[in-house]
Amino acid sequence: MGSVIDAFQFVYAPQIINGLSIGVAVVLMALGLTIIFGLLDVINMAHGEFYALGAYVGITLLALGVGFWVALVLVPLIMAPLGYMTERLFIQRVFHQRDRHMLTLLLTFGLAIVLEDVYKLIFGPQPYSVDMPIGGGSEIMGVFFPNYRLFMMAIGVLIIALVWLVVYKTRLGAMVRAAAFDKNMASSLGVPVSVVYAGTFAFGVALAGLAGIMLAPIYSVFPTMGKDFILMAFSVVIVGGLGSIKGALIAGLFLTQIQALSSLYISPSWSDPLVFAIMVLVLMVRPQGLFGRLGHA
């Protein structure tokens, strides 16, 4: 019995905490991605680059002397207007076209390429590191947990809960869900659909930027970082169900735990293929994902 407890404390528990801390950041990205799809029916291929932009905005603020905690608040506030302008200037131009799914996919894919090159031009190809804002660790039930990862889990859970409350328990959320369910009916009832669309896109971009600054102290900040993380976010959205907030939460925590725990038994290079294999399996058994669209809890 003692060997089992020791194995959990020193082998499995650290991986579980690692998976949970990364999982909440993945869920923040996936939430923005799935809300944008659930409302606008747009697959935002540039979402990973907005995640990277949040990290770059964060390190720029830190270089200007702004503290990390202030930067953590400022980054999503800066990212939201950028997301709003992106929807107004680009997405809206092709949104009402007959082939809008293909056009928006190609548009956001092209935007992702441009943004990545802009990052290389402005910041260079070299990675940047961010000092850990909270040092040390805490011992809980005999297990040592890094304090910053505990903070990430706590703030991530709080943000996810607030998003759920706003979407499903407020008048604003009812307007968003109404526009997602039937935009013509919502418009006839006085809902400013175009503003809701742009605001929702901006909110999704802000969540991606927040995930970027939150993960900056753990991972290096570099121009192609969005490509690495967006694959996991898309897997989460597909497994959970396109447009489902509950699906993004459950699938995000599940897949990151699979990735963390599998690294104990297989090479870390195989953790991503394992996640993609689960995604393919879910698509084969349940093509719509585990849960429904935005209009459902």
Protein backbone atom coordinates (compact mmCIF):
# COMPACT_ATOMS: atom_id res chain seq x y z
CA MET A 1 0.00 0.00 0.00
CA GLY A 2 2.83 2.38 0.86
CA SER A 3 4.51 1.85 -2.50
CA VAL A 4 1.26 2.77 -4.27
CA ILE A 5 0.96 6.00 -2.28
CA ASP A 6 4.61 6.83 -2.93
CA ALA A 7 4.15 6.19 -6.65
CA PHE A 8 1.18 8.55 -6.71
CA GLN A 9 2.96 11.27 -4.72
CA PHE A 10 6.24 11.29 -6.58
CA VAL A 11 5.33 10.01 -10.07
CA TYR A 12 1.68 10.57 -10.96
CA ALA A 13 0.70 13.64 -8.92
CA PRO A 14 3.30 15.98 -10.50
CA GLN A 15 2.15 14.90 -13.98
CA ILE A 16 -1.50 15.38 -13.04
CA ILE A 17 -0.78 18.91 -11.77
CA ASN A 18 1.23 19.65 -14.90
CA GLY A 19 -1.65 18.40 -17.06
CA LEU A 20 -4.21 20.45 -15.12
CA SER A 21 -2.21 23.68 -15.27
CA ILE A 22 -1.61 23.36 -19.00
CA GLY A 23 -5.17 22.11 -19.42
CA VAL A 24 -6.81 25.28 -18.12
CA ALA A 25 -4.71 27.37 -20.54
CA VAL A 26 -5.69 25.05 -23.42
CA VAL A 27 -9.33 25.37 -22.37
CA LEU A 28 -9.05 29.18 -22.44
CA MET A 29 -7.80 28.97 -26.02
CA ALA A 30 -10.36 26.35 -26.99
CA LEU A 31 -13.18 28.39 -25.39
CA GLY A 32 -12.37 31.34 -27.62
CA LEU A 33 -12.13 29.06 -30.64
CA THR A 34 -15.38 27.23 -29.93
CA ILE A 35 -17.35 30.38 -29.08
CA ILE A 36 -16.24 31.99 -32.34
CA PHE A 37 -17.29 28.90 -34.28
CA GLY A 38 -20.50 28.40 -32.34
CA LEU A 39 -21.67 31.94 -33.07
CA LEU A 40 -20.03 33.02 -36.33
CA ASP A 41 -19.61 29.53 -37.84
CA VAL A 42 -16.02 30.61 -38.56
CA ILE A 43 -13.03 28.32 -38.02
CA ASN A 44 -10.37 30.84 -37.01
CA MET A 45 -7.07 29.48 -38.32
CA ALA A 46 -5.30 32.56 -36.92
CA HIS A 47 -6.29 31.78 -33.34
CA GLY A 48 -2.84 30.38 -32.54
CA GLU A 49 -1.21 33.56 -33.80
CA PHE A 50 -3.46 35.62 -31.52
CA TYR A 51 -2.28 33.39 -28.67
CA ALA A 52 1.31 34.20 -29.67
CA LEU A 53 0.43 37.89 -29.98
CA GLY A 54 -0.83 37.87 -26.40
CA ALA A 55 2.55 36.52 -25.28
CA TYR A 56 4.42 39.13 -27.34
CA VAL A 57 2.25 41.97 -26.03
CA GLY A 58 2.99 40.66 -22.54
CA ILE A 59 6.76 40.63 -22.93
CA THR A 60 6.62 44.09 -24.53
CA LEU A 61 4.76 45.43 -21.50
CA LEU A 62 7.28 43.75 -19.20
CA ALA A 63 10.14 45.35 -21.15
CA LEU A 64 8.46 48.75 -20.64
CA GLY A 65 8.55 48.22 -16.90
CA VAL A 66 4.97 47.03 -16.38
CA GLY A 67 4.70 44.32 -13.73
CA PHE A 68 3.54 40.84 -14.69
CA TRP A 69 0.26 41.09 -12.77
CA VAL A 70 -0.64 44.36 -14.45
CA ALA A 71 0.33 42.87 -17.81
CA LEU A 72 -1.94 39.89 -17.09
CA VAL A 73 -4.87 42.33 -16.91
CA LEU A 74 -3.77 44.60 -19.75
CA VAL A 75 -3.10 41.89 -22.36
CA PRO A 76 -6.73 40.76 -22.83
CA LEU A 77 -7.86 44.40 -22.72
CA ILE A 78 -5.43 45.18 -25.55
CA MET A 79 -6.26 42.03 -27.50
CA ALA A 80 -10.04 42.57 -27.46
CA PRO A 81 -10.01 45.74 -29.65
CA LEU A 82 -7.57 44.02 -32.03
CA GLY A 83 -9.99 41.12 -32.34
CA TYR A 84 -12.91 43.50 -32.86
CA MET A 85 -11.09 45.32 -35.67
CA THR A 86 -10.07 42.01 -37.26
CA GLU A 87 -13.70 40.91 -37.44
CA ARG A 88 -14.88 44.28 -38.75
CA LEU A 89 -12.11 44.76 -41.32
CA PHE A 90 -11.62 41.20 -42.58
CA ILE A 91 -14.19 38.60 -41.50
CA GLN A 92 -17.19 40.80 -42.31
CA ARG A 93 -15.97 41.32 -45.88
CA VAL A 94 -16.47 37.66 -46.75
CA PHE A 95 -18.90 36.56 -44.05
CA HIS A 96 -22.02 36.98 -46.17
CA GLN A 97 -20.60 35.36 -49.31
CA ARG A 98 -22.03 32.06 -50.53
CA ASP A 99 -18.74 30.19 -49.96
CA ARG A 100 -18.08 31.92 -46.64
CA HIS A 101 -16.80 28.78 -44.87
CA MET A 102 -14.00 28.31 -47.37
CA LEU A 103 -13.35 32.04 -47.69
CA THR A 104 -13.11 32.66 -43.95
CA LEU A 105 -10.88 29.61 -43.53
CA LEU A 106 -8.52 30.81 -46.27
CA LEU A 107 -8.67 34.38 -44.96
CA THR A 108 -7.74 33.45 -41.39
CA PHE A 109 -5.09 31.02 -42.64
CA GLY A 110 -3.51 33.82 -44.68
CA LEU A 111 -3.76 36.15 -41.69
CA ALA A 112 -1.93 33.55 -39.58
CA ILE A 113 0.95 33.43 -42.09
CA VAL A 114 1.18 37.23 -42.19
CA LEU A 115 1.15 37.58 -38.39
CA GLU A 116 3.85 34.95 -37.97
CA ASP A 117 6.10 36.81 -40.42
CA VAL A 118 5.36 40.10 -38.65
CA TYR A 119 6.48 38.56 -35.35
CA LYS A 120 9.74 37.40 -36.97
CA LEU A 121 10.28 40.85 -38.49
CA ILE A 122 9.64 42.79 -35.27
CA PHE A 123 10.93 40.45 -32.56
CA GLY A 124 13.29 38.19 -34.51
CA PRO A 125 13.33 34.40 -34.60
CA GLN A 126 14.99 33.97 -31.20
CA PRO A 127 12.90 32.82 -28.21
CA TYR A 128 12.23 35.07 -25.23
CA SER A 129 11.87 33.89 -21.66
CA VAL A 130 9.73 35.37 -18.91
CA ASP A 131 10.68 35.14 -15.24
CA MET A 132 8.37 33.07 -13.10
CA PRO A 133 6.14 35.61 -11.28
CA ILE A 134 5.55 33.27 -8.34
CA GLY A 135 8.47 31.24 -7.10
CA GLY A 136 8.66 28.21 -4.91
CA GLY A 137 6.02 25.62 -4.27
CA SER A 138 3.50 24.32 -1.79
CA GLU A 139 3.19 20.92 -0.21
CA ILE A 140 -0.34 19.49 -0.35
CA MET A 141 -0.96 16.03 1.10
CA GLY A 142 2.71 15.24 0.86
CA VAL A 143 3.00 16.34 -2.77
CA PHE A 144 5.08 19.37 -3.84
CA PHE A 145 3.27 21.66 -6.33
CA PRO A 146 4.85 24.72 -8.05
CA ASN A 147 2.99 27.81 -6.86
CA TYR A 148 2.62 29.38 -10.30
CA ARG A 149 0.96 26.28 -11.72
CA LEU A 150 -1.46 26.29 -8.78
CA PHE A 151 -2.19 29.95 -9.54
CA MET A 152 -2.80 29.11 -13.21
CA MET A 153 -5.31 26.44 -12.25
CA ALA A 154 -7.14 28.74 -9.82
CA ILE A 155 -7.37 31.74 -12.17
CA GLY A 156 -8.22 29.49 -15.11
CA VAL A 157 -11.10 27.83 -13.27
CA LEU A 158 -12.38 31.27 -12.22
CA ILE A 159 -12.30 32.61 -15.79
CA ILE A 160 -13.95 29.50 -17.20
CA ALA A 161 -16.72 29.74 -14.58
CA LEU A 162 -17.25 33.44 -15.38
CA VAL A 163 -17.48 32.68 -19.12
CA TRP A 164 -20.09 30.00 -18.44
CA LEU A 165 -22.10 32.33 -16.20
CA VAL A 166 -22.02 35.15 -18.75
CA VAL A 167 -23.04 32.91 -21.66
CA TYR A 168 -25.81 30.99 -19.89
CA LYS A 169 -27.01 33.17 -17.01
CA THR A 170 -27.02 36.78 -18.28
CA ARG A 171 -29.01 38.85 -20.75
CA LEU A 172 -25.84 39.39 -22.80
CA GLY A 173 -25.30 35.65 -23.01
CA ALA A 174 -28.92 35.16 -24.07
CA MET A 175 -28.35 37.64 -26.92
CA VAL A 176 -25.23 35.75 -27.98
CA ARG A 177 -27.01 32.38 -27.94
CA ALA A 178 -30.00 33.82 -29.76
CA ALA A 179 -27.77 35.21 -32.51
CA ALA A 180 -26.03 31.83 -32.75
CA PHE A 181 -29.33 29.94 -32.98
CA ASP A 182 -31.16 32.19 -35.47
CA LYS A 183 -29.55 35.49 -36.44
CA ASN A 184 -32.55 36.68 -38.48
CA MET A 185 -35.00 36.14 -35.64
CA ALA A 186 -32.59 37.71 -33.15
CA SER A 187 -32.19 40.74 -35.41
CA SER A 188 -35.98 41.14 -35.70
CA LEU A 189 -36.17 41.18 -31.89
CA GLY A 190 -33.71 44.08 -31.69
CA VAL A 191 -30.45 42.21 -31.07
CA PRO A 192 -27.56 44.08 -32.77
CA VAL A 193 -26.29 40.95 -34.48
CA SER A 194 -23.28 42.52 -36.22
CA VAL A 195 -22.06 44.03 -32.94
CA VAL A 196 -22.60 40.71 -31.14
CA TYR A 197 -20.58 38.94 -33.84
CA ALA A 198 -17.67 41.37 -33.61
CA GLY A 199 -17.79 41.41 -29.81
CA THR A 200 -17.77 37.63 -29.61
CA PHE A 201 -14.80 37.41 -31.97
CA ALA A 202 -13.01 40.01 -29.85
CA PHE A 203 -13.78 38.04 -26.69
CA GLY A 204 -12.37 34.85 -28.21
CA VAL A 205 -9.20 36.67 -29.25
CA ALA A 206 -8.86 38.15 -25.75
CA LEU A 207 -9.04 34.65 -24.23
CA ALA A 208 -6.32 33.46 -26.61
CA GLY A 209 -4.12 36.41 -25.66
CA LEU A 210 -4.70 35.73 -21.97
CA ALA A 211 -3.59 32.12 -22.46
CA GLY A 212 -0.46 33.44 -24.20
CA ILE A 213 0.66 35.66 -21.33
CA MET A 214 -0.26 33.02 -18.73
CA LEU A 215 1.92 30.39 -20.40
CA ALA A 216 4.81 32.76 -21.19
CA PRO A 217 6.63 32.02 -17.90
CA ILE A 218 6.40 28.26 -18.59
CA TYR A 219 7.21 28.17 -22.30
CA SER A 220 9.50 30.36 -24.37
CA VAL A 221 7.90 33.05 -26.52
CA PHE A 222 8.78 32.62 -30.20
CA PRO A 223 7.13 33.39 -33.59
CA THR A 224 5.84 29.88 -34.35
CA MET A 225 4.53 29.11 -30.85
CA GLY A 226 0.95 29.45 -32.06
CA LYS A 227 1.28 26.53 -34.45
CA ASP A 228 2.28 24.15 -31.68
CA PHE A 229 -0.53 25.10 -29.32
CA ILE A 230 -3.35 25.53 -31.82
CA LEU A 231 -3.20 21.86 -32.81
CA MET A 232 -4.11 20.87 -29.27
CA ALA A 233 -6.82 23.56 -29.11
CA PHE A 234 -8.40 22.32 -32.35
CA SER A 235 -8.28 18.74 -31.06
CA VAL A 236 -10.08 19.87 -27.90
CA VAL A 237 -12.77 21.69 -29.88
CA ILE A 238 -13.31 18.73 -32.23
CA VAL A 239 -13.47 16.14 -29.46
CA GLY A 240 -15.68 18.29 -27.23
CA GLY A 241 -17.99 19.33 -30.07
CA LEU A 242 -17.74 22.41 -32.27
CA GLY A 243 -19.41 25.26 -30.41
CA SER A 244 -19.80 23.52 -27.04
CA ILE A 245 -18.41 25.28 -23.96
CA LYS A 246 -18.92 22.22 -21.77
CA GLY A 247 -17.28 20.08 -24.43
CA ALA A 248 -14.23 22.37 -24.60
CA LEU A 249 -13.81 22.20 -20.82
CA ILE A 250 -14.14 18.43 -20.47
CA ALA A 251 -12.14 17.57 -23.60
CA GLY A 252 -9.40 20.07 -22.72
CA LEU A 253 -8.80 18.65 -19.26
CA PHE A 254 -9.10 15.05 -20.51
CA LEU A 255 -6.69 15.37 -23.44
CA THR A 256 -4.04 17.26 -21.49
CA GLN A 257 -4.18 14.60 -18.76
CA ILE A 258 -3.76 11.88 -21.38
CA GLN A 259 -0.79 13.79 -22.80
CA ALA A 260 0.80 14.32 -19.36
CA LEU A 261 0.34 10.78 -18.02
CA SER A 262 1.26 9.04 -21.27
CA SER A 263 4.68 10.73 -21.17
CA LEU A 264 5.49 8.47 -18.19
CA TYR A 265 5.30 5.38 -20.38
CA ILE A 266 6.04 6.51 -23.94
CA SER A 267 8.35 9.01 -25.56
CA PRO A 268 7.05 12.61 -25.26
CA SER A 269 7.25 12.82 -29.06
CA TRP A 270 4.37 10.32 -29.19
CA SER A 271 2.05 12.27 -26.89
CA ASP A 272 0.70 14.51 -29.66
CA PRO A 273 0.02 11.60 -32.06
CA LEU A 274 -1.83 9.88 -29.21
CA VAL A 275 -4.07 12.93 -28.77
CA PHE A 276 -4.73 13.07 -32.51
CA ALA A 277 -5.55 9.35 -32.52
CA ILE A 278 -8.18 9.96 -29.83
CA MET A 279 -9.57 12.81 -31.91
CA VAL A 280 -9.82 10.57 -35.00
CA LEU A 281 -11.49 7.84 -32.92
CA VAL A 282 -14.09 10.29 -31.61
CA LEU A 283 -14.77 11.53 -35.16
CA MET A 284 -15.29 7.95 -36.33
CA VAL A 285 -17.71 7.10 -33.51
CA ARG A 286 -19.39 10.49 -33.01
CA PRO A 287 -18.59 12.98 -35.82
CA GLN A 288 -20.32 15.89 -34.06
CA GLY A 289 -18.09 15.50 -31.00
CA LEU A 290 -19.11 14.65 -27.45
CA PHE A 291 -21.51 17.57 -26.93
CA GLY A 292 -23.67 20.01 -28.86
CA ARG A 293 -23.30 23.57 -30.11
CA LEU A 294 -23.30 26.94 -28.37
CA GLY A 295 -27.04 27.04 -27.90
CA HIS A 296 -26.82 24.14 -25.44
CA ALA A 297 -25.13 24.00 -22.03
